[in-house]
N, C-alpha and C. Protein backbone atom coordinates (compact mmCIF):
# COMPACT_ATOMS: atom_id res chain seq x y z
N UNK A 1 0.81 -1.16 -0.04
CA UNK A 1 0.01 -0.02 -0.02
C UNK A 1 0.88 1.23 -0.04
N UNK A 2 0.57 2.15 -0.84
CA UNK A 2 1.35 3.37 -1.03
C UNK A 2 0.81 4.48 -0.08
N UNK A 3 1.73 5.09 0.60
CA UNK A 3 1.38 6.20 1.51
C UNK A 3 1.39 7.51 0.78
N UNK A 4 0.35 8.24 0.86
CA UNK A 4 0.27 9.54 0.25
C UNK A 4 0.87 10.60 1.15
N UNK A 5 1.46 11.62 0.54
CA UNK A 5 2.17 12.64 1.32
C UNK A 5 1.20 13.49 2.21
N UNK A 6 0.00 13.72 1.76
CA UNK A 6 -0.92 14.53 2.54
C UNK A 6 -1.35 13.85 3.78
N UNK A 7 -1.39 12.51 3.78
CA UNK A 7 -1.74 11.81 5.04
C UNK A 7 -0.70 11.97 6.05
N UNK A 8 0.52 11.83 5.64
CA UNK A 8 1.64 12.00 6.53
C UNK A 8 1.70 13.44 7.09
N UNK A 9 1.53 14.44 6.24
CA UNK A 9 1.53 15.81 6.62
C UNK A 9 0.44 16.09 7.61
N UNK A 10 -0.77 15.56 7.32
CA UNK A 10 -1.90 15.76 8.24
C UNK A 10 -1.59 15.13 9.59
N UNK A 11 -1.06 13.99 9.60
CA UNK A 11 -0.71 13.34 10.87
C UNK A 11 0.31 14.19 11.64
N UNK A 12 1.32 14.61 10.99
CA UNK A 12 2.37 15.40 11.68
C UNK A 12 1.81 16.70 12.22
N UNK A 13 1.07 17.39 11.46
CA UNK A 13 0.49 18.68 11.94
C UNK A 13 -0.57 18.42 13.04
N UNK A 14 -1.29 17.31 12.94
CA UNK A 14 -2.22 17.05 14.00
C UNK A 14 -1.49 16.72 15.31
N UNK A 15 -0.36 16.07 15.24
CA UNK A 15 0.40 15.71 16.39
C UNK A 15 1.02 16.99 16.96
N UNK A 16 1.34 17.96 16.12
CA UNK A 16 1.88 19.22 16.66
C UNK A 16 0.78 20.00 17.37
N UNK A 17 -0.41 19.98 16.83
CA UNK A 17 -1.56 20.58 17.58
C UNK A 17 -1.77 19.93 18.93
N UNK A 18 -1.75 18.61 18.91
CA UNK A 18 -1.95 17.82 20.17
C UNK A 18 -0.83 18.22 21.15
N UNK A 19 0.41 18.34 20.70
CA UNK A 19 1.49 18.72 21.56
C UNK A 19 1.27 20.14 22.14
N UNK A 20 0.77 21.08 21.38
CA UNK A 20 0.50 22.39 21.89
C UNK A 20 -0.59 22.39 22.89
N UNK A 21 -1.61 21.54 22.65
CA UNK A 21 -2.68 21.45 23.70
C UNK A 21 -2.17 20.85 24.97
N UNK A 22 -1.31 19.78 24.87
CA UNK A 22 -0.73 19.20 26.06
C UNK A 22 0.10 20.13 26.85
N UNK A 23 0.92 20.96 26.17
CA UNK A 23 1.73 21.93 26.85
C UNK A 23 0.87 23.01 27.51
N UNK A 24 -0.17 23.47 26.81
CA UNK A 24 -1.07 24.47 27.43
C UNK A 24 -1.80 23.99 28.65
N UNK A 25 -2.41 22.83 28.54
CA UNK A 25 -3.13 22.25 29.68
C UNK A 25 -2.20 21.97 30.86
N UNK A 26 -0.98 21.41 30.53
CA UNK A 26 -0.09 21.11 31.57
C UNK A 26 0.42 22.39 32.29
N UNK A 27 0.67 23.41 31.55
CA UNK A 27 1.12 24.70 32.13
C UNK A 27 -0.01 25.33 33.01
N UNK A 28 -1.18 25.30 32.47
CA UNK A 28 -2.32 25.87 33.31
C UNK A 28 -2.54 25.06 34.57
N UNK A 29 -2.46 23.76 34.47
CA UNK A 29 -2.59 22.93 35.64
C UNK A 29 -1.52 23.14 36.63
N UNK A 30 -0.34 23.32 36.21
CA UNK A 30 0.80 23.56 37.10
C UNK A 30 0.65 24.95 37.78
N UNK A 31 0.21 25.92 37.05
CA UNK A 31 0.03 27.29 37.62
C UNK A 31 -1.07 27.26 38.65
N UNK A 32 -2.21 26.61 38.32
CA UNK A 32 -3.30 26.51 39.30
C UNK A 32 -2.89 25.81 40.56
N UNK A 33 -2.10 24.73 40.41
CA UNK A 33 -1.57 23.98 41.52
C UNK A 33 -0.74 24.82 42.39
N UNK A 34 0.16 25.66 41.83
CA UNK A 34 1.04 26.53 42.60
C UNK A 34 0.20 27.52 43.35
N UNK A 35 -0.79 28.07 42.74
CA UNK A 35 -1.71 29.08 43.41
C UNK A 35 -2.41 28.40 44.57
N UNK A 36 -2.94 27.22 44.36
CA UNK A 36 -3.69 26.55 45.42
C UNK A 36 -2.82 26.09 46.56
N UNK A 37 -1.55 25.71 46.19
CA UNK A 37 -0.65 25.40 47.34
C UNK A 37 -0.31 26.60 48.13
N UNK A 38 -0.19 27.75 47.55
CA UNK A 38 0.12 28.93 48.30
C UNK A 38 -1.06 29.48 49.08
N UNK A 39 -2.25 29.38 48.51
CA UNK A 39 -3.44 29.80 49.25
C UNK A 39 -4.50 28.65 49.18
N UNK A 40 -4.39 27.75 50.21
CA UNK A 40 -5.28 26.61 50.17
C UNK A 40 -6.79 26.95 50.29
N UNK A 41 -7.11 28.07 50.73
CA UNK A 41 -8.56 28.43 50.85
C UNK A 41 -9.18 28.62 49.47
N UNK A 42 -8.36 28.81 48.46
CA UNK A 42 -8.86 28.94 47.03
C UNK A 42 -8.94 27.56 46.34
N UNK A 43 -8.33 26.60 46.99
CA UNK A 43 -8.18 25.30 46.29
C UNK A 43 -9.05 24.16 46.77
N UNK A 44 -10.34 24.49 47.04
CA UNK A 44 -11.17 23.36 47.52
C UNK A 44 -11.29 22.33 46.42
N UNK A 45 -11.00 21.05 46.76
CA UNK A 45 -11.02 19.98 45.81
C UNK A 45 -12.41 19.51 45.47
N UNK A 46 -13.27 19.46 46.47
CA UNK A 46 -14.63 18.92 46.25
C UNK A 46 -15.56 19.53 47.28
N UNK A 47 -16.83 19.03 47.28
CA UNK A 47 -17.84 19.61 48.19
C UNK A 47 -17.52 19.31 49.65
N UNK A 48 -16.85 18.23 49.91
CA UNK A 48 -16.47 17.87 51.31
C UNK A 48 -15.57 18.92 51.87
N UNK A 49 -14.58 19.34 51.08
CA UNK A 49 -13.62 20.42 51.60
C UNK A 49 -14.44 21.70 51.88
N UNK A 50 -15.33 22.09 50.93
CA UNK A 50 -16.06 23.28 51.11
C UNK A 50 -16.92 23.22 52.39
N UNK A 51 -17.57 22.07 52.60
CA UNK A 51 -18.35 21.88 53.78
C UNK A 51 -17.57 21.95 55.04
N UNK A 52 -16.39 21.22 55.02
CA UNK A 52 -15.47 21.19 56.15
C UNK A 52 -14.98 22.54 56.56
N UNK A 53 -14.51 23.32 55.56
CA UNK A 53 -14.01 24.65 55.92
C UNK A 53 -15.16 25.52 56.37
N UNK A 54 -16.31 25.46 55.71
CA UNK A 54 -17.45 26.25 56.05
C UNK A 54 -17.92 25.93 57.46
N UNK A 55 -18.02 24.64 57.85
CA UNK A 55 -18.41 24.30 59.19
C UNK A 55 -17.42 24.77 60.20
N UNK A 56 -16.17 24.69 59.90
CA UNK A 56 -15.13 25.17 60.79
C UNK A 56 -15.24 26.69 61.00
N UNK A 57 -15.44 27.45 59.93
CA UNK A 57 -15.64 28.86 60.06
C UNK A 57 -16.90 29.20 60.89
N UNK A 58 -17.97 28.50 60.60
CA UNK A 58 -19.21 28.80 61.38
C UNK A 58 -19.02 28.46 62.84
N UNK A 59 -18.42 27.25 63.10
CA UNK A 59 -18.22 26.84 64.49
C UNK A 59 -17.32 27.83 65.24
N UNK A 60 -16.32 28.39 64.56
CA UNK A 60 -15.47 29.37 65.21
C UNK A 60 -16.33 30.60 65.64
N UNK A 61 -17.19 31.06 64.72
CA UNK A 61 -18.04 32.16 65.00
C UNK A 61 -19.00 31.87 66.14
N UNK A 62 -19.55 30.63 66.18
CA UNK A 62 -20.46 30.26 67.25
C UNK A 62 -19.75 30.26 68.58
N UNK A 63 -18.55 29.73 68.63
CA UNK A 63 -17.80 29.68 69.87
C UNK A 63 -17.50 31.10 70.37
N UNK A 64 -17.08 31.99 69.39
CA UNK A 64 -16.91 33.37 69.79
C UNK A 64 -18.15 33.98 70.34
N UNK A 65 -19.33 33.70 69.78
CA UNK A 65 -20.59 34.27 70.20
C UNK A 65 -20.90 33.69 71.60
N UNK A 66 -20.68 32.39 71.81
CA UNK A 66 -21.01 31.78 73.14
C UNK A 66 -20.07 32.38 74.18
N UNK A 67 -18.79 32.62 73.87
CA UNK A 67 -17.85 33.24 74.79
C UNK A 67 -18.33 34.61 75.21
N UNK A 68 -18.79 35.41 74.24
CA UNK A 68 -19.23 36.73 74.51
C UNK A 68 -20.52 36.70 75.32
N UNK A 69 -21.53 35.83 74.95
CA UNK A 69 -22.74 35.89 75.62
C UNK A 69 -22.77 35.08 76.95
N UNK A 70 -22.13 33.96 76.98
CA UNK A 70 -22.18 33.11 78.20
C UNK A 70 -21.23 33.65 79.27
N UNK A 71 -20.17 34.26 78.91
CA UNK A 71 -19.22 34.71 79.95
C UNK A 71 -19.86 35.65 80.91
N UNK A 72 -20.56 36.64 80.42
CA UNK A 72 -21.20 37.62 81.29
C UNK A 72 -22.42 37.02 82.05
N UNK A 73 -23.25 36.28 81.33
CA UNK A 73 -24.43 35.76 81.97
C UNK A 73 -24.16 34.62 83.00
N UNK A 74 -23.25 33.80 82.77
CA UNK A 74 -22.82 32.78 83.78
C UNK A 74 -22.32 33.45 85.00
N UNK A 75 -21.49 34.44 84.78
CA UNK A 75 -20.91 35.11 85.98
C UNK A 75 -21.99 35.85 86.74
N UNK A 76 -22.91 36.52 86.05
CA UNK A 76 -23.93 37.25 86.83
C UNK A 76 -24.87 36.29 87.48
N UNK A 77 -25.19 35.13 86.84
CA UNK A 77 -26.10 34.11 87.41
C UNK A 77 -25.40 33.57 88.69
N UNK A 78 -24.14 33.21 88.62
CA UNK A 78 -23.52 32.68 89.80
C UNK A 78 -23.34 33.67 90.95
N UNK A 79 -23.15 34.97 90.60
CA UNK A 79 -23.14 35.96 91.69
C UNK A 79 -24.48 36.05 92.32
N UNK A 80 -25.53 35.94 91.59
CA UNK A 80 -26.87 36.07 92.15
C UNK A 80 -27.24 34.89 93.06
N UNK A 81 -26.84 33.68 92.73
CA UNK A 81 -27.25 32.51 93.50
C UNK A 81 -26.28 32.07 94.59
N UNK A 82 -25.10 32.63 94.63
CA UNK A 82 -24.15 32.21 95.68
C UNK A 82 -23.88 33.37 96.60
N UNK A 83 -23.39 32.96 97.82
CA UNK A 83 -23.15 33.97 98.81
C UNK A 83 -21.65 34.10 99.18
N UNK A 84 -20.84 33.13 98.89
CA UNK A 84 -19.39 33.26 99.13
C UNK A 84 -18.58 32.89 97.91
N UNK A 85 -17.29 33.04 97.97
CA UNK A 85 -16.42 32.88 96.79
C UNK A 85 -16.29 31.38 96.49
N UNK A 86 -16.28 30.47 97.47
CA UNK A 86 -16.16 29.07 97.16
C UNK A 86 -17.33 28.60 96.36
N UNK A 87 -18.52 29.02 96.78
CA UNK A 87 -19.74 28.63 96.03
C UNK A 87 -19.77 29.23 94.65
N UNK A 88 -19.22 30.47 94.55
CA UNK A 88 -19.16 31.14 93.21
C UNK A 88 -18.24 30.34 92.29
N UNK A 89 -17.06 29.94 92.86
CA UNK A 89 -16.08 29.16 92.01
C UNK A 89 -16.72 27.85 91.59
N UNK A 90 -17.45 27.22 92.47
CA UNK A 90 -18.07 25.92 92.18
C UNK A 90 -19.14 26.09 91.11
N UNK A 91 -19.90 27.16 91.25
CA UNK A 91 -20.97 27.46 90.23
C UNK A 91 -20.42 27.73 88.88
N UNK A 92 -19.29 28.50 88.79
CA UNK A 92 -18.64 28.78 87.54
C UNK A 92 -18.05 27.52 86.84
N UNK A 93 -17.52 26.61 87.71
CA UNK A 93 -16.98 25.44 87.14
C UNK A 93 -17.99 24.50 86.67
N UNK A 94 -19.23 24.54 87.30
CA UNK A 94 -20.35 23.69 86.92
C UNK A 94 -21.03 24.15 85.67
N UNK A 95 -20.89 25.40 85.34
CA UNK A 95 -21.53 25.95 84.14
C UNK A 95 -21.03 25.16 82.87
N UNK A 96 -21.86 24.88 81.99
CA UNK A 96 -21.58 23.99 80.81
C UNK A 96 -20.38 24.43 79.94
N UNK A 97 -20.28 25.71 79.72
CA UNK A 97 -19.21 26.12 78.82
C UNK A 97 -18.21 27.02 79.52
N UNK A 98 -17.26 26.40 80.17
CA UNK A 98 -16.24 27.13 80.84
C UNK A 98 -15.10 27.49 79.82
N UNK A 99 -14.14 28.20 80.29
CA UNK A 99 -13.02 28.60 79.43
C UNK A 99 -12.23 27.44 78.91
N UNK A 100 -12.08 26.42 79.71
CA UNK A 100 -11.33 25.22 79.33
C UNK A 100 -12.10 24.49 78.16
N UNK A 101 -13.41 24.35 78.36
CA UNK A 101 -14.26 23.70 77.35
C UNK A 101 -14.21 24.46 75.98
N UNK A 102 -14.27 25.75 76.07
CA UNK A 102 -14.23 26.58 74.85
C UNK A 102 -12.94 26.50 74.14
N UNK A 103 -11.81 26.51 74.93
CA UNK A 103 -10.50 26.45 74.26
C UNK A 103 -10.31 25.06 73.65
N UNK A 104 -10.86 24.03 74.21
CA UNK A 104 -10.76 22.67 73.67
C UNK A 104 -11.51 22.61 72.31
N UNK A 105 -12.73 23.22 72.33
CA UNK A 105 -13.50 23.25 71.11
C UNK A 105 -12.79 24.08 70.05
N UNK A 106 -12.26 25.20 70.47
CA UNK A 106 -11.52 26.02 69.43
C UNK A 106 -10.27 25.30 68.89
N UNK A 107 -9.56 24.53 69.75
CA UNK A 107 -8.40 23.76 69.34
C UNK A 107 -8.87 22.74 68.31
N UNK A 108 -9.98 22.01 68.61
CA UNK A 108 -10.45 21.05 67.69
C UNK A 108 -10.84 21.59 66.31
N UNK A 109 -11.46 22.73 66.37
CA UNK A 109 -11.86 23.39 65.09
C UNK A 109 -10.62 23.73 64.31
N UNK A 110 -9.67 24.34 64.89
CA UNK A 110 -8.40 24.77 64.20
C UNK A 110 -7.66 23.54 63.69
N UNK A 111 -7.71 22.36 64.40
CA UNK A 111 -7.05 21.16 63.87
C UNK A 111 -7.74 20.61 62.67
N UNK A 112 -9.06 20.68 62.70
CA UNK A 112 -9.83 20.22 61.45
C UNK A 112 -9.48 21.17 60.28
N UNK A 113 -9.49 22.44 60.54
CA UNK A 113 -9.25 23.33 59.44
C UNK A 113 -7.84 23.22 58.91
N UNK A 114 -6.85 23.03 59.80
CA UNK A 114 -5.46 22.92 59.36
C UNK A 114 -5.26 21.55 58.59
N UNK A 115 -5.95 20.52 59.02
CA UNK A 115 -5.89 19.25 58.28
C UNK A 115 -6.48 19.39 56.87
N UNK A 116 -7.60 20.05 56.75
CA UNK A 116 -8.22 20.26 55.43
C UNK A 116 -7.25 21.05 54.56
N UNK A 117 -6.64 22.12 55.12
CA UNK A 117 -5.72 22.90 54.37
C UNK A 117 -4.48 22.13 53.93
N UNK A 118 -4.01 21.24 54.77
CA UNK A 118 -2.88 20.41 54.47
C UNK A 118 -3.21 19.45 53.36
N UNK A 119 -4.40 18.85 53.36
CA UNK A 119 -4.81 17.98 52.34
C UNK A 119 -4.95 18.70 51.00
N UNK A 120 -5.45 19.95 51.05
CA UNK A 120 -5.60 20.79 49.80
C UNK A 120 -4.21 21.05 49.26
N UNK A 121 -3.24 21.40 50.16
CA UNK A 121 -1.88 21.68 49.68
C UNK A 121 -1.21 20.46 49.00
N UNK A 122 -1.45 19.30 49.64
CA UNK A 122 -0.86 18.05 49.10
C UNK A 122 -1.51 17.77 47.73
N UNK A 123 -2.79 17.95 47.60
CA UNK A 123 -3.50 17.75 46.32
C UNK A 123 -2.96 18.75 45.27
N UNK A 124 -2.68 19.97 45.71
CA UNK A 124 -2.21 20.98 44.76
C UNK A 124 -0.78 20.67 44.32
N UNK A 125 0.05 20.14 45.16
CA UNK A 125 1.41 19.74 44.81
C UNK A 125 1.34 18.62 43.82
N UNK A 126 0.39 17.72 44.00
CA UNK A 126 0.20 16.63 43.02
C UNK A 126 -0.24 17.17 41.69
N UNK A 127 -1.06 18.20 41.72
CA UNK A 127 -1.53 18.84 40.48
C UNK A 127 -0.34 19.53 39.79
N UNK A 128 0.52 20.08 40.46
CA UNK A 128 1.70 20.78 39.87
C UNK A 128 2.55 19.69 39.19
N UNK A 129 2.81 18.59 39.85
CA UNK A 129 3.61 17.54 39.30
C UNK A 129 2.94 16.98 37.98
N UNK A 130 1.66 16.71 38.04
CA UNK A 130 0.97 16.23 36.83
C UNK A 130 0.98 17.27 35.71
N UNK A 131 0.87 18.55 36.07
CA UNK A 131 0.95 19.56 35.01
C UNK A 131 2.31 19.62 34.37
N UNK A 132 3.37 19.55 35.19
CA UNK A 132 4.74 19.59 34.60
C UNK A 132 4.96 18.35 33.73
N UNK A 133 4.49 17.22 34.16
CA UNK A 133 4.64 15.97 33.36
C UNK A 133 3.85 16.11 32.06
N UNK A 134 2.68 16.64 32.09
CA UNK A 134 1.84 16.80 30.93
C UNK A 134 2.51 17.76 29.91
N UNK A 135 3.05 18.81 30.44
CA UNK A 135 3.77 19.82 29.54
C UNK A 135 5.02 19.19 28.97
N UNK A 136 5.73 18.40 29.79
CA UNK A 136 6.92 17.70 29.25
C UNK A 136 6.57 16.72 28.19
N UNK A 137 5.45 15.97 28.36
CA UNK A 137 5.02 15.08 27.34
C UNK A 137 4.70 15.82 26.04
N UNK A 138 4.02 16.96 26.16
CA UNK A 138 3.69 17.80 24.96
C UNK A 138 4.95 18.22 24.29
N UNK A 139 5.99 18.60 25.01
CA UNK A 139 7.25 19.07 24.42
C UNK A 139 7.93 17.87 23.72
N UNK A 140 7.82 16.70 24.30
CA UNK A 140 8.41 15.57 23.67
C UNK A 140 7.74 15.17 22.39
N UNK A 141 6.39 15.18 22.41
CA UNK A 141 5.66 14.91 21.18
C UNK A 141 5.98 15.93 20.09
N UNK A 142 6.06 17.16 20.49
CA UNK A 142 6.44 18.20 19.49
C UNK A 142 7.86 17.99 18.93
N UNK A 143 8.73 17.65 19.83
CA UNK A 143 10.14 17.46 19.37
C UNK A 143 10.23 16.29 18.34
N UNK A 144 9.47 15.32 18.59
CA UNK A 144 9.51 14.11 17.69
C UNK A 144 8.80 14.43 16.36
N UNK A 145 7.62 15.10 16.43
CA UNK A 145 6.83 15.29 15.18
C UNK A 145 7.07 16.69 14.53
N UNK A 146 7.39 17.64 15.28
CA UNK A 146 7.46 19.04 14.73
C UNK A 146 8.62 19.21 13.68
N UNK A 147 9.74 18.59 13.91
CA UNK A 147 10.87 18.82 13.01
C UNK A 147 10.69 18.06 11.71
N UNK A 148 9.67 17.25 11.60
CA UNK A 148 9.42 16.50 10.37
C UNK A 148 8.41 17.27 9.45
N UNK A 149 7.93 18.36 9.95
CA UNK A 149 6.97 19.23 9.20
C UNK A 149 7.80 20.38 8.54
N UNK A 150 7.25 20.87 7.41
CA UNK A 150 7.91 21.94 6.78
C UNK A 150 7.82 23.26 7.53
N UNK A 151 6.70 23.44 8.28
CA UNK A 151 6.48 24.69 9.06
C UNK A 151 7.41 24.79 10.27
N UNK A 152 7.59 23.61 10.95
CA UNK A 152 8.38 23.67 12.20
C UNK A 152 9.72 22.95 12.05
N UNK A 153 10.22 22.78 10.91
CA UNK A 153 11.50 22.08 10.69
C UNK A 153 12.62 22.75 11.47
N UNK A 154 12.52 24.08 11.57
CA UNK A 154 13.58 24.84 12.22
C UNK A 154 13.15 25.20 13.71
N UNK A 155 12.21 24.55 14.22
CA UNK A 155 11.72 24.89 15.58
C UNK A 155 10.50 25.83 15.47
N UNK A 156 10.16 26.43 16.59
CA UNK A 156 9.05 27.34 16.59
C UNK A 156 9.31 28.71 16.01
N UNK A 157 10.56 29.12 16.04
CA UNK A 157 10.90 30.45 15.47
C UNK A 157 11.16 30.28 13.96
N UNK A 158 10.94 31.40 13.16
CA UNK A 158 11.16 31.25 11.78
C UNK A 158 12.64 31.04 11.49
N UNK A 159 12.89 30.44 10.39
CA UNK A 159 14.32 30.08 10.02
C UNK A 159 15.08 31.35 9.88
N UNK A 160 16.31 31.32 10.32
CA UNK A 160 17.21 32.51 10.16
C UNK A 160 17.80 32.44 8.73
N UNK A 161 17.91 33.61 8.11
CA UNK A 161 18.49 33.56 6.74
C UNK A 161 19.94 33.18 6.88
N UNK A 162 20.39 32.51 5.87
CA UNK A 162 21.85 32.09 5.93
C UNK A 162 22.71 33.29 5.78
N UNK A 163 23.85 33.37 6.47
CA UNK A 163 24.71 34.51 6.39
C UNK A 163 25.30 34.59 5.04
N UNK A 164 25.53 35.80 4.47
CA UNK A 164 26.15 35.92 3.18
C UNK A 164 27.59 35.45 3.28
N UNK A 165 28.05 34.93 2.15
CA UNK A 165 29.37 34.46 2.11
C UNK A 165 30.39 35.55 2.28
N UNK A 166 31.52 35.30 2.97
CA UNK A 166 32.47 36.31 3.27
C UNK A 166 33.15 36.83 2.05
N UNK A 167 33.51 35.96 1.15
CA UNK A 167 34.20 36.32 -0.14
C UNK A 167 33.40 35.73 -1.30
N UNK A 168 32.46 36.50 -1.79
CA UNK A 168 31.72 35.97 -2.92
C UNK A 168 32.62 35.81 -4.09
N UNK A 169 32.41 34.73 -4.78
CA UNK A 169 33.22 34.43 -6.01
C UNK A 169 32.55 35.12 -7.19
N UNK A 170 33.35 35.87 -7.94
CA UNK A 170 32.73 36.45 -9.12
C UNK A 170 32.43 35.39 -10.16
N UNK A 171 31.37 35.73 -10.89
CA UNK A 171 31.04 34.75 -11.93
C UNK A 171 32.12 34.79 -12.99
N UNK A 172 32.61 33.63 -13.24
CA UNK A 172 33.69 33.50 -14.21
C UNK A 172 33.08 32.98 -15.54
N UNK A 173 33.29 33.69 -16.64
CA UNK A 173 32.82 33.13 -17.87
C UNK A 173 33.60 31.87 -18.24
N UNK A 174 32.96 30.94 -18.98
CA UNK A 174 33.63 29.74 -19.37
C UNK A 174 34.81 30.09 -20.28
N UNK A 175 35.85 29.25 -20.24
CA UNK A 175 36.96 29.51 -21.15
C UNK A 175 36.55 29.51 -22.63
N UNK A 176 37.29 30.20 -23.43
CA UNK A 176 36.80 30.43 -24.84
C UNK A 176 36.68 29.10 -25.64
N UNK A 177 37.35 28.10 -25.32
CA UNK A 177 37.25 26.89 -26.17
C UNK A 177 36.27 25.89 -25.63
N UNK A 178 35.54 26.18 -24.61
CA UNK A 178 34.56 25.24 -24.00
C UNK A 178 33.39 25.08 -24.82
N UNK A 179 32.88 23.87 -24.89
CA UNK A 179 31.71 23.61 -25.75
C UNK A 179 30.47 23.65 -24.79
N UNK A 180 29.49 24.44 -25.17
CA UNK A 180 28.26 24.40 -24.35
C UNK A 180 27.57 23.08 -24.43
N UNK A 181 26.87 22.73 -23.33
CA UNK A 181 26.17 21.40 -23.37
C UNK A 181 25.12 21.38 -24.44
N UNK A 182 24.89 20.22 -24.99
CA UNK A 182 23.88 20.01 -26.02
C UNK A 182 22.51 20.03 -25.43
N UNK A 183 21.64 20.76 -26.08
CA UNK A 183 20.25 20.83 -25.59
C UNK A 183 19.47 19.72 -26.28
N UNK A 184 18.60 19.21 -25.52
CA UNK A 184 18.06 18.10 -26.15
C UNK A 184 16.85 17.54 -26.13
C-alpha cells in the first residue's frame, strides 16, 4: 500500500496541535496547583472540603458568640445565686461552657481546618507535578513530530536567513574553447 504525502503531513500537523494542547493544559494545571498550594482556601477539591471549611468557620463564630454571651451571663447568674467565693467558683466550674471547654472546642476546630488545608496543599502539589509531566510530554511529542514538518522544521521560530558568504566568488565566464552542453 502506498502512503500519500498529505496523510503524513496531516498526521504530523495534528500531532503538533496535540502537543501544543498538552503543553497548554499542563502549564495551566501547574500554575493553578502553585496558586492553590500557596493559598489553600482557594483550592477546595470537592464539596467535602467546602463543607468542612465552612463548618469550621461557622463553628469558630459560634464559639466566639458563646464566649461573649455566656461569659457575662454565667458570671452574673453565679453571683446572684451564691453567697461566698467558694460557692461562686463551684458554680462557675459547673456551668456548661467554661473557658477550658471553649478552648478545647477552638483547638479542635483549628485542627480540622489545618488538616483540610494540608490535604488541599498536598493535592495542589500533586496537580503541579501532573501539570509539569503533561507539559513535558507535549514538548516531547512536538520534538519528535514538529521537526518533520515543513513549518516547524527549524523549531518554533522562523528560520534564520543564511549569512552571506564572506568572499563571494565572481562569476567567471567559461573558457573560450569550452563547448556548451547540447540541448536536447
